[in-house]
Full PDB file with SEQRES, HELIX, SHEET, SSBOND, CRYST1, ORIGX, SCALE, CONECT and MASTER records, all heavy atoms in Angstrom:
SEQRES   1 A   37  LEU GLY TRP ASP THR PRO ILE GLY ALA SER GLY VAL ILE          
SEQRES   2 A   37  ILE TRP ASP ASP LYS GLY ASN ARG ILE LYS GLU ALA SER          
SEQRES   3 A   37  ARG ASN ILE TYR ASP CYS TYR ALA MET ASN ILE                  
SHEET    1 AA1 2 ILE A  13  TRP A  15  0                                        
SHEET    2 AA1 2 ARG A  21  GLU A  24 -1                                        
CRYST1    1.000    1.000    1.000  90.00  90.00  90.00 P 1           1          
ORIGX1      1.000000  0.000000  0.000000        0.00000                         
ORIGX2      0.000000  1.000000  0.000000        0.00000                         
ORIGX3      0.000000  0.000000  1.000000        0.00000                         
SCALE1      1.000000  0.000000  0.000000        0.00000                         
SCALE2      0.000000  1.000000  0.000000        0.00000                         
SCALE3      0.000000  0.000000  1.000000        0.00000                         
ATOM      1  N   LEU A   1       0.821  -1.215  -0.002  1.00  0.00           N  
ATOM      2  CA  LEU A   1       0.002  -0.003  -0.007  1.00  0.00           C  
ATOM      3  C   LEU A   1       0.857   1.271   0.000  1.00  0.00           C  
ATOM      4  O   LEU A   1       0.535   2.266   0.647  1.00  0.00           O  
ATOM      5  CB  LEU A   1      -0.962   0.009   1.195  1.00  0.00           C  
ATOM      6  CG  LEU A   1      -1.931  -1.163   1.287  1.00  0.00           C  
ATOM      7  CD1 LEU A   1      -2.868  -0.995   2.479  1.00  0.00           C  
ATOM      8  CD2 LEU A   1      -2.745  -1.324   0.013  1.00  0.00           C  
ATOM      9  N   GLY A   2       1.991   1.195  -0.723  1.00  0.00           N  
ATOM     10  CA  GLY A   2       2.855   2.363  -0.885  1.00  0.00           C  
ATOM     11  C   GLY A   2       3.963   2.494   0.129  1.00  0.00           C  
ATOM     12  O   GLY A   2       4.796   3.413   0.036  1.00  0.00           O  
ATOM     13  N   TRP A   3       4.034   1.600   1.114  1.00  0.00           N  
ATOM     14  CA  TRP A   3       5.041   1.689   2.169  1.00  0.00           C  
ATOM     15  C   TRP A   3       6.348   0.998   1.741  1.00  0.00           C  
ATOM     16  O   TRP A   3       6.440  -0.235   1.801  1.00  0.00           O  
ATOM     17  CB  TRP A   3       4.540   1.051   3.465  1.00  0.00           C  
ATOM     18  CG  TRP A   3       3.427   1.798   4.122  1.00  0.00           C  
ATOM     19  CD1 TRP A   3       2.096   1.617   3.936  1.00  0.00           C  
ATOM     20  CD2 TRP A   3       3.541   2.845   5.092  1.00  0.00           C  
ATOM     21  NE1 TRP A   3       1.372   2.473   4.728  1.00  0.00           N  
ATOM     22  CE2 TRP A   3       2.231   3.246   5.455  1.00  0.00           C  
ATOM     23  CE3 TRP A   3       4.635   3.478   5.702  1.00  0.00           C  
ATOM     24  CZ2 TRP A   3       1.977   4.247   6.387  1.00  0.00           C  
ATOM     25  CZ3 TRP A   3       4.381   4.470   6.628  1.00  0.00           C  
ATOM     26  CH2 TRP A   3       3.080   4.849   6.963  1.00  0.00           C  
ATOM     27  N   ASP A   4       7.355   1.764   1.338  1.00  0.00           N  
ATOM     28  CA  ASP A   4       8.675   1.187   1.046  1.00  0.00           C  
ATOM     29  C   ASP A   4       9.451   0.940   2.338  1.00  0.00           C  
ATOM     30  O   ASP A   4      10.257   0.018   2.432  1.00  0.00           O  
ATOM     31  CB  ASP A   4       9.487   2.115   0.140  1.00  0.00           C  
ATOM     32  CG  ASP A   4       8.871   2.246  -1.247  1.00  0.00           C  
ATOM     33  OD1 ASP A   4       8.284   1.238  -1.718  1.00  0.00           O  
ATOM     34  OD2 ASP A   4       8.940   3.323  -1.847  1.00  0.00           O  
ATOM     35  N   THR A   5       9.236   1.786   3.323  1.00  0.00           N  
ATOM     36  CA  THR A   5       9.836   1.611   4.658  1.00  0.00           C  
ATOM     37  C   THR A   5       8.692   1.537   5.653  1.00  0.00           C  
ATOM     38  O   THR A   5       8.294   2.533   6.269  1.00  0.00           O  
ATOM     39  CB  THR A   5      10.770   2.793   5.000  1.00  0.00           C  
ATOM     40  OG1 THR A   5      11.727   2.970   3.953  1.00  0.00           O  
ATOM     41  CG2 THR A   5      11.507   2.526   6.318  1.00  0.00           C  
ATOM     42  N   PRO A   6       8.124   0.356   5.832  1.00  0.00           N  
ATOM     43  CA  PRO A   6       6.919   0.235   6.656  1.00  0.00           C  
ATOM     44  C   PRO A   6       7.174   0.502   8.135  1.00  0.00           C  
ATOM     45  O   PRO A   6       8.234   0.157   8.675  1.00  0.00           O  
ATOM     46  CB  PRO A   6       6.462  -1.199   6.428  1.00  0.00           C  
ATOM     47  CG  PRO A   6       7.695  -1.921   5.978  1.00  0.00           C  
ATOM     48  CD  PRO A   6       8.511  -0.920   5.226  1.00  0.00           C  
ATOM     49  N   ILE A   7       6.201   1.082   8.798  1.00  0.00           N  
ATOM     50  CA  ILE A   7       6.293   1.336  10.234  1.00  0.00           C  
ATOM     51  C   ILE A   7       6.460   0.034  10.993  1.00  0.00           C  
ATOM     52  O   ILE A   7       7.212  -0.059  11.969  1.00  0.00           O  
ATOM     53  CB  ILE A   7       5.042   2.095  10.714  1.00  0.00           C  
ATOM     54  CG1 ILE A   7       5.095   3.555  10.240  1.00  0.00           C  
ATOM     55  CG2 ILE A   7       4.909   2.046  12.246  1.00  0.00           C  
ATOM     56  CD1 ILE A   7       3.848   4.364  10.557  1.00  0.00           C  
ATOM     57  N   GLY A   8       5.766  -1.018  10.558  1.00  0.00           N  
ATOM     58  CA  GLY A   8       5.762  -2.275  11.293  1.00  0.00           C  
ATOM     59  C   GLY A   8       6.876  -3.240  10.937  1.00  0.00           C  
ATOM     60  O   GLY A   8       6.744  -4.448  11.181  1.00  0.00           O  
ATOM     61  N   ALA A   9       8.006  -2.744  10.401  1.00  0.00           N  
ATOM     62  CA  ALA A   9       9.093  -3.615   9.947  1.00  0.00           C  
ATOM     63  C   ALA A   9       9.650  -4.522  11.041  1.00  0.00           C  
ATOM     64  O   ALA A   9      10.112  -5.634  10.780  1.00  0.00           O  
ATOM     65  CB  ALA A   9      10.223  -2.774   9.355  1.00  0.00           C  
ATOM     66  N   SER A  10       9.581  -4.085  12.290  1.00  0.00           N  
ATOM     67  CA  SER A  10      10.109  -4.895  13.405  1.00  0.00           C  
ATOM     68  C   SER A  10       9.149  -6.013  13.825  1.00  0.00           C  
ATOM     69  O   SER A  10       9.541  -6.927  14.529  1.00  0.00           O  
ATOM     70  CB  SER A  10      10.377  -4.008  14.621  1.00  0.00           C  
ATOM     71  OG  SER A  10       9.160  -3.481  15.128  1.00  0.00           O  
ATOM     72  N   GLY A  11       7.894  -5.910  13.416  1.00  0.00           N  
ATOM     73  CA  GLY A  11       6.911  -6.931  13.754  1.00  0.00           C  
ATOM     74  C   GLY A  11       6.094  -6.634  14.993  1.00  0.00           C  
ATOM     75  O   GLY A  11       4.922  -6.973  15.072  1.00  0.00           O  
ATOM     76  N   VAL A  12       6.703  -5.993  16.014  1.00  0.00           N  
ATOM     77  CA  VAL A  12       6.009  -5.640  17.263  1.00  0.00           C  
ATOM     78  C   VAL A  12       6.518  -4.280  17.731  1.00  0.00           C  
ATOM     79  O   VAL A  12       7.728  -4.048  17.780  1.00  0.00           O  
ATOM     80  CB  VAL A  12       6.240  -6.692  18.364  1.00  0.00           C  
ATOM     81  CG1 VAL A  12       5.658  -6.215  19.697  1.00  0.00           C  
ATOM     82  CG2 VAL A  12       5.637  -8.041  17.976  1.00  0.00           C  
ATOM     83  N   ILE A  13       5.593  -3.386  18.087  1.00  0.00           N  
ATOM     84  CA  ILE A  13       5.957  -2.040  18.536  1.00  0.00           C  
ATOM     85  C   ILE A  13       5.154  -1.677  19.788  1.00  0.00           C  
ATOM     86  O   ILE A  13       3.968  -1.966  19.876  1.00  0.00           O  
ATOM     87  CB  ILE A  13       5.676  -0.972  17.458  1.00  0.00           C  
ATOM     88  CG1 ILE A  13       6.452  -1.272  16.165  1.00  0.00           C  
ATOM     89  CG2 ILE A  13       6.033   0.426  17.959  1.00  0.00           C  
ATOM     90  CD1 ILE A  13       6.115  -0.321  15.026  1.00  0.00           C  
ATOM     91  N   ILE A  14       5.818  -1.040  20.750  1.00  0.00           N  
ATOM     92  CA  ILE A  14       5.152  -0.452  21.910  1.00  0.00           C  
ATOM     93  C   ILE A  14       5.112   1.067  21.701  1.00  0.00           C  
ATOM     94  O   ILE A  14       6.133   1.672  21.328  1.00  0.00           O  
ATOM     95  CB  ILE A  14       5.895  -0.784  23.207  1.00  0.00           C  
ATOM     96  CG1 ILE A  14       6.051  -2.299  23.365  1.00  0.00           C  
ATOM     97  CG2 ILE A  14       5.147  -0.203  24.414  1.00  0.00           C  
ATOM     98  CD1 ILE A  14       6.907  -2.694  24.554  1.00  0.00           C  
ATOM     99  N   TRP A  15       3.961   1.678  21.949  1.00  0.00           N  
ATOM    100  CA  TRP A  15       3.746   3.109  21.720  1.00  0.00           C  
ATOM    101  C   TRP A  15       3.378   3.790  23.032  1.00  0.00           C  
ATOM    102  O   TRP A  15       2.791   3.183  23.925  1.00  0.00           O  
ATOM    103  CB  TRP A  15       2.582   3.309  20.749  1.00  0.00           C  
ATOM    104  CG  TRP A  15       2.688   2.560  19.445  1.00  0.00           C  
ATOM    105  CD1 TRP A  15       2.491   1.214  19.239  1.00  0.00           C  
ATOM    106  CD2 TRP A  15       2.989   3.117  18.169  1.00  0.00           C  
ATOM    107  NE1 TRP A  15       2.648   0.913  17.921  1.00  0.00           N  
ATOM    108  CE2 TRP A  15       2.949   2.052  17.233  1.00  0.00           C  
ATOM    109  CE3 TRP A  15       3.268   4.410  17.706  1.00  0.00           C  
ATOM    110  CZ2 TRP A  15       3.189   2.251  15.885  1.00  0.00           C  
ATOM    111  CZ3 TRP A  15       3.504   4.594  16.351  1.00  0.00           C  
ATOM    112  CH2 TRP A  15       3.475   3.534  15.450  1.00  0.00           C  
ATOM    113  N   ASP A  16       3.700   5.088  23.110  1.00  0.00           N  
ATOM    114  CA  ASP A  16       3.279   5.852  24.275  1.00  0.00           C  
ATOM    115  C   ASP A  16       1.861   6.378  24.067  1.00  0.00           C  
ATOM    116  O   ASP A  16       1.225   6.111  23.039  1.00  0.00           O  
ATOM    117  CB  ASP A  16       4.266   6.983  24.614  1.00  0.00           C  
ATOM    118  CG  ASP A  16       4.288   8.107  23.581  1.00  0.00           C  
ATOM    119  OD1 ASP A  16       3.369   8.196  22.741  1.00  0.00           O  
ATOM    120  OD2 ASP A  16       5.234   8.915  23.611  1.00  0.00           O  
ATOM    121  N   ASP A  17       1.350   7.135  25.025  1.00  0.00           N  
ATOM    122  CA  ASP A  17      -0.042   7.564  24.961  1.00  0.00           C  
ATOM    123  C   ASP A  17      -0.284   8.693  23.969  1.00  0.00           C  
ATOM    124  O   ASP A  17      -1.421   9.126  23.771  1.00  0.00           O  
ATOM    125  CB  ASP A  17      -0.536   7.985  26.342  1.00  0.00           C  
ATOM    126  CG  ASP A  17       0.280   9.124  26.934  1.00  0.00           C  
ATOM    127  OD1 ASP A  17       1.262   9.549  26.316  1.00  0.00           O  
ATOM    128  OD2 ASP A  17      -0.070   9.580  28.039  1.00  0.00           O  
ATOM    129  N   LYS A  18       0.766   9.150  23.281  1.00  0.00           N  
ATOM    130  CA  LYS A  18       0.624  10.177  22.247  1.00  0.00           C  
ATOM    131  C   LYS A  18       0.821   9.595  20.853  1.00  0.00           C  
ATOM    132  O   LYS A  18       0.854  10.328  19.861  1.00  0.00           O  
ATOM    133  CB  LYS A  18       1.642  11.312  22.482  1.00  0.00           C  
ATOM    134  CG  LYS A  18       1.497  12.017  23.825  1.00  0.00           C  
ATOM    135  CD  LYS A  18       0.178  12.758  23.919  1.00  0.00           C  
ATOM    136  CE  LYS A  18       0.121  13.645  25.145  1.00  0.00           C  
ATOM    137  NZ  LYS A  18       0.260  12.903  26.417  1.00  0.00           N  
ATOM    138  N   GLY A  19       1.002   8.274  20.772  1.00  0.00           N  
ATOM    139  CA  GLY A  19       1.211   7.646  19.477  1.00  0.00           C  
ATOM    140  C   GLY A  19       2.647   7.700  19.003  1.00  0.00           C  
ATOM    141  O   GLY A  19       2.903   7.644  17.787  1.00  0.00           O  
ATOM    142  N   ASN A  20       3.612   7.801  19.916  1.00  0.00           N  
ATOM    143  CA  ASN A  20       5.043   7.785  19.571  1.00  0.00           C  
ATOM    144  C   ASN A  20       5.643   6.427  19.907  1.00  0.00           C  
ATOM    145  O   ASN A  20       5.355   5.869  20.982  1.00  0.00           O  
ATOM    146  CB  ASN A  20       5.787   8.880  20.346  1.00  0.00           C  
ATOM    147  CG  ASN A  20       5.249  10.257  20.086  1.00  0.00           C  
ATOM    148  OD1 ASN A  20       5.124  10.678  18.936  1.00  0.00           O  
ATOM    149  ND2 ASN A  20       4.884  10.979  21.141  1.00  0.00           N  
ATOM    150  N   ARG A  21       6.493   5.926  19.023  1.00  0.00           N  
ATOM    151  CA  ARG A  21       7.124   4.634  19.264  1.00  0.00           C  
ATOM    152  C   ARG A  21       8.149   4.737  20.389  1.00  0.00           C  
ATOM    153  O   ARG A  21       9.003   5.628  20.383  1.00  0.00           O  
ATOM    154  CB  ARG A  21       7.805   4.132  17.987  1.00  0.00           C  
ATOM    155  CG  ARG A  21       6.841   3.589  16.951  1.00  0.00           C  
ATOM    156  CD  ARG A  21       7.531   3.178  15.679  1.00  0.00           C  
ATOM    157  NE  ARG A  21       7.661   4.306  14.764  1.00  0.00           N  
ATOM    158  CZ  ARG A  21       8.131   4.221  13.527  1.00  0.00           C  
ATOM    159  NH1 ARG A  21       8.561   3.048  13.079  1.00  0.00           N  
ATOM    160  NH2 ARG A  21       8.204   5.283  12.752  1.00  0.00           N  
ATOM    161  N   ILE A  22       8.082   3.803  21.353  1.00  0.00           N  
ATOM    162  CA  ILE A  22       9.028   3.816  22.459  1.00  0.00           C  
ATOM    163  C   ILE A  22       9.879   2.539  22.511  1.00  0.00           C  
ATOM    164  O   ILE A  22      10.912   2.511  23.158  1.00  0.00           O  
ATOM    165  CB  ILE A  22       8.332   4.037  23.817  1.00  0.00           C  
ATOM    166  CG1 ILE A  22       7.241   2.991  24.072  1.00  0.00           C  
ATOM    167  CG2 ILE A  22       7.752   5.427  23.874  1.00  0.00           C  
ATOM    168  CD1 ILE A  22       6.564   3.140  25.432  1.00  0.00           C  
ATOM    169  N   LYS A  23       9.433   1.466  21.828  1.00  0.00           N  
ATOM    170  CA  LYS A  23      10.228   0.250  21.785  1.00  0.00           C  
ATOM    171  C   LYS A  23       9.771  -0.601  20.615  1.00  0.00           C  
ATOM    172  O   LYS A  23       8.571  -0.649  20.302  1.00  0.00           O  
ATOM    173  CB  LYS A  23      10.090  -0.556  23.084  1.00  0.00           C  
ATOM    174  CG  LYS A  23      10.956  -1.813  23.118  1.00  0.00           C  
ATOM    175  CD  LYS A  23      10.787  -2.611  24.406  1.00  0.00           C  
ATOM    176  CE  LYS A  23      11.632  -3.878  24.360  1.00  0.00           C  
ATOM    177  NZ  LYS A  23      11.474  -4.708  25.588  1.00  0.00           N  
ATOM    178  N   GLU A  24      10.730  -1.286  19.968  1.00  0.00           N  
ATOM    179  CA  GLU A  24      10.412  -2.218  18.896  1.00  0.00           C  
ATOM    180  C   GLU A  24      11.096  -3.541  19.141  1.00  0.00           C  
ATOM    181  O   GLU A  24      12.143  -3.606  19.789  1.00  0.00           O  
ATOM    182  CB  GLU A  24      10.842  -1.641  17.537  1.00  0.00           C  
ATOM    183  CG  GLU A  24      10.187  -0.307  17.216  1.00  0.00           C  
ATOM    184  CD  GLU A  24      10.404   0.132  15.783  1.00  0.00           C  
ATOM    185  OE1 GLU A  24      10.531  -0.745  14.909  1.00  0.00           O  
ATOM    186  OE2 GLU A  24      10.449   1.349  15.539  1.00  0.00           O  
ATOM    187  N   ALA A  25      10.495  -4.616  18.646  1.00  0.00           N  
ATOM    188  CA  ALA A  25      11.092  -5.944  18.793  1.00  0.00           C  
ATOM    189  C   ALA A  25      12.412  -6.008  18.039  1.00  0.00           C  
ATOM    190  O   ALA A  25      12.599  -5.343  17.013  1.00  0.00           O  
ATOM    191  CB  ALA A  25      10.132  -7.004  18.272  1.00  0.00           C  
ATOM    192  N   SER A  26      13.337  -6.825  18.537  1.00  0.00           N  
ATOM    193  CA  SER A  26      14.664  -6.927  17.938  1.00  0.00           C  
ATOM    194  C   SER A  26      14.965  -8.360  17.513  1.00  0.00           C  
ATOM    195  O   SER A  26      16.062  -8.861  17.728  1.00  0.00           O  
ATOM    196  CB  SER A  26      15.729  -6.446  18.921  1.00  0.00           C  
ATOM    197  OG  SER A  26      15.674  -7.192  20.125  1.00  0.00           O  
ATOM    198  N   ARG A  27      13.983  -9.018  16.932  1.00  0.00           N  
ATOM    199  CA  ARG A  27      14.176 -10.375  16.434  1.00  0.00           C  
ATOM    200  C   ARG A  27      13.525 -10.480  15.057  1.00  0.00           C  
ATOM    201  O   ARG A  27      12.827  -9.565  14.629  1.00  0.00           O  
ATOM    202  CB  ARG A  27      13.607 -11.403  17.404  1.00  0.00           C  
ATOM    203  CG  ARG A  27      12.150 -11.195  17.755  1.00  0.00           C  
ATOM    204  CD  ARG A  27      11.673 -12.224  18.762  1.00  0.00           C  
ATOM    205  NE  ARG A  27      12.275 -12.008  20.084  1.00  0.00           N  
ATOM    206  CZ  ARG A  27      12.620 -13.004  20.894  1.00  0.00           C  
ATOM    207  NH1 ARG A  27      12.438 -14.257  20.517  1.00  0.00           N  
ATOM    208  NH2 ARG A  27      13.135 -12.759  22.080  1.00  0.00           N  
ATOM    209  N   ASN A  28      13.739 -11.561  14.359  1.00  0.00           N  
ATOM    210  CA  ASN A  28      13.219 -11.713  13.001  1.00  0.00           C  
ATOM    211  C   ASN A  28      11.769 -12.174  13.034  1.00  0.00           C  
ATOM    212  O   ASN A  28      11.474 -13.369  13.021  1.00  0.00           O  
ATOM    213  CB  ASN A  28      14.070 -12.710  12.206  1.00  0.00           C  
ATOM    214  CG  ASN A  28      15.465 -12.188  11.953  1.00  0.00           C  
ATOM    215  OD1 ASN A  28      15.668 -10.987  11.742  1.00  0.00           O  
ATOM    216  ND2 ASN A  28      16.447 -13.065  11.976  1.00  0.00           N  
ATOM    217  N   ILE A  29      10.868 -11.206  13.059  1.00  0.00           N  
ATOM    218  CA  ILE A  29       9.439 -11.491  13.062  1.00  0.00           C  
ATOM    219  C   ILE A  29       8.904 -11.223  11.657  1.00  0.00           C  
ATOM    220  O   ILE A  29       8.948 -10.106  11.177  1.00  0.00           O  
ATOM    221  CB  ILE A  29       8.697 -10.623  14.089  1.00  0.00           C  
ATOM    222  CG1 ILE A  29       9.224 -10.885  15.500  1.00  0.00           C  
ATOM    223  CG2 ILE A  29       7.197 -10.844  14.015  1.00  0.00           C  
ATOM    224  CD1 ILE A  29       8.695  -9.931  16.551  1.00  0.00           C  
ATOM    225  N   TYR A  30       8.420 -12.258  11.007  1.00  0.00           N  
ATOM    226  CA  TYR A  30       7.840 -12.093   9.679  1.00  0.00           C  
ATOM    227  C   TYR A  30       6.333 -11.865   9.748  1.00  0.00           C  
ATOM    228  O   TYR A  30       5.741 -11.325   8.822  1.00  0.00           O  
ATOM    229  CB  TYR A  30       8.122 -13.330   8.816  1.00  0.00           C  
ATOM    230  CG  TYR A  30       9.590 -13.660   8.682  1.00  0.00           C  
ATOM    231  CD1 TYR A  30      10.017 -14.977   8.614  1.00  0.00           C  
ATOM    232  CD2 TYR A  30      10.564 -12.661   8.631  1.00  0.00           C  
ATOM    233  CE1 TYR A  30      11.366 -15.296   8.501  1.00  0.00           C  
ATOM    234  CE2 TYR A  30      11.907 -12.957   8.526  1.00  0.00           C  
ATOM    235  CZ  TYR A  30      12.302 -14.274   8.457  1.00  0.00           C  
ATOM    236  OH  TYR A  30      13.635 -14.583   8.351  1.00  0.00           O  
ATOM    237  N   ASP A  31       5.732 -12.291  10.846  1.00  0.00           N  
ATOM    238  CA  ASP A  31       4.291 -12.158  11.008  1.00  0.00           C  
ATOM    239  C   ASP A  31       3.991 -12.421  12.484  1.00  0.00           C  
ATOM    240  O   ASP A  31       4.306 -13.485  13.002  1.00  0.00           O  
ATOM    241  CB  ASP A  31       3.575 -13.189  10.127  1.00  0.00           C  
ATOM    242  CG  ASP A  31       2.086 -12.897   9.957  1.00  0.00           C  
ATOM    243  OD1 ASP A  31       1.454 -12.508  10.959  1.00  0.00           O  
ATOM    244  OD2 ASP A  31       1.561 -13.070   8.847  1.00  0.00           O  
ATOM    245  N   CYS A  32       3.401 -11.440  13.153  1.00  0.00           N  
ATOM    246  CA  CYS A  32       3.002 -11.637  14.558  1.00  0.00           C  
ATOM    247  C   CYS A  32       1.610 -12.267  14.547  1.00  0.00           C  
ATOM    248  O   CYS A  32       0.617 -11.605  14.310  1.00  0.00           O  
ATOM    249  CB  CYS A  32       2.984 -10.299  15.291  1.00  0.00           C  
ATOM    250  SG  CYS A  32       2.552 -10.449  17.053  1.00  0.00           S  
ATOM    251  N   TYR A  33       1.564 -13.573  14.798  1.00  0.00           N  
ATOM    252  CA  TYR A  33       0.316 -14.316  14.682  1.00  0.00           C  
ATOM    253  C   TYR A  33      -0.663 -14.036  15.810  1.00  0.00           C  
ATOM    254  O   TYR A  33      -1.878 -14.043  15.592  1.00  0.00           O  
ATOM    255  CB  TYR A  33       0.622 -15.808  14.657  1.00  0.00           C  
ATOM    256  CG  TYR A  33       0.868 -16.394  13.282  1.00  0.00           C  
ATOM    257  CD1 TYR A  33       1.448 -15.625  12.266  1.00  0.00           C  
ATOM    258  CD2 TYR A  33       0.539 -17.702  12.987  1.00  0.00           C  
ATOM    259  CE1 TYR A  33       1.694 -16.154  11.014  1.00  0.00           C  
ATOM    260  CE2 TYR A  33       0.772 -18.243  11.737  1.00  0.00           C  
ATOM    261  CZ  TYR A  33       1.345 -17.467  10.745  1.00  0.00           C  
ATOM    262  OH  TYR A  33       1.578 -18.000   9.497  1.00  0.00           O  
ATOM    263  N   ALA A  34      -0.162 -13.830  17.008  1.00  0.00           N  
ATOM    264  CA  ALA A  34      -1.052 -13.643  18.160  1.00  0.00           C  
ATOM    265  C   ALA A  34      -0.322 -12.909  19.270  1.00  0.00           C  
ATOM    266  O   ALA A  34       0.914 -12.932  19.350  1.00  0.00           O  
ATOM    267  CB  ALA A  34      -1.566 -14.996  18.676  1.00  0.00           C  
ATOM    268  N   MET A  35      -1.118 -12.275  20.148  1.00  0.00           N  
ATOM    269  CA  MET A  35      -0.547 -11.444  21.225  1.00  0.00           C  
ATOM    270  C   MET A  35      -1.481 -11.473  22.410  1.00  0.00           C  
ATOM    271  O   MET A  35      -2.671 -11.750  22.288  1.00  0.00           O  
ATOM    272  CB  MET A  35      -0.332 -10.018  20.709  1.00  0.00           C  
ATOM    273  CG  MET A  35       0.286  -9.056  21.700  1.00  0.00           C  
ATOM    274  SD  MET A  35       0.493  -7.385  20.999  1.00  0.00           S  
ATOM    275  CE  MET A  35       1.866  -7.685  19.858  1.00  0.00           C  
ATOM    276  N   ASN A  36      -0.930 -11.165  23.583  1.00  0.00           N  
ATOM    277  CA  ASN A  36      -1.724 -10.999  24.790  1.00  0.00           C  
ATOM    278  C   ASN A  36      -0.933 -10.144  25.767  1.00  0.00           C  
ATOM    279  O   ASN A  36       0.284 -10.002  25.633  1.00  0.00           O  
ATOM    280  CB  ASN A  36      -2.053 -12.361  25.415  1.00  0.00           C  
ATOM    281  CG  ASN A  36      -3.345 -12.324  26.207  1.00  0.00           C  
ATOM    282  OD1 ASN A  36      -3.720 -11.294  26.766  1.00  0.00           O  
ATOM    283  ND2 ASN A  36      -4.045 -13.441  26.262  1.00  0.00           N  
ATOM    284  N   ILE A  37      -1.635  -9.567  26.725  1.00  0.00           N  
ATOM    285  CA  ILE A  37      -1.032  -8.796  27.814  1.00  0.00           C  
ATOM    286  C   ILE A  37      -1.426  -9.487  29.109  1.00  0.00           C  
ATOM    287  O   ILE A  37      -2.623  -9.693  29.366  1.00  0.00           O  
ATOM    288  CB  ILE A  37      -1.539  -7.336  27.843  1.00  0.00           C  
ATOM    289  CG1 ILE A  37      -1.454  -6.693  26.456  1.00  0.00           C  
ATOM    290  CG2 ILE A  37      -0.776  -6.531  28.881  1.00  0.00           C  
ATOM    291  CD1 ILE A  37      -0.058  -6.514  25.922  1.00  0.00           C  
TER     292      ILE A  37                                                      
MASTER        0    0    0    0    2    0    0    6  291    1    0    3          
END                                                                             
């Protein structure tokens, strides 16, 4: 959909309450199939 450098390249991202990225996963994630907190 036009994203040459996609936001989700790391596979998992944690965001702050203003919508700013504060942490990204550092492993080879091709698809995050499921998640829970």
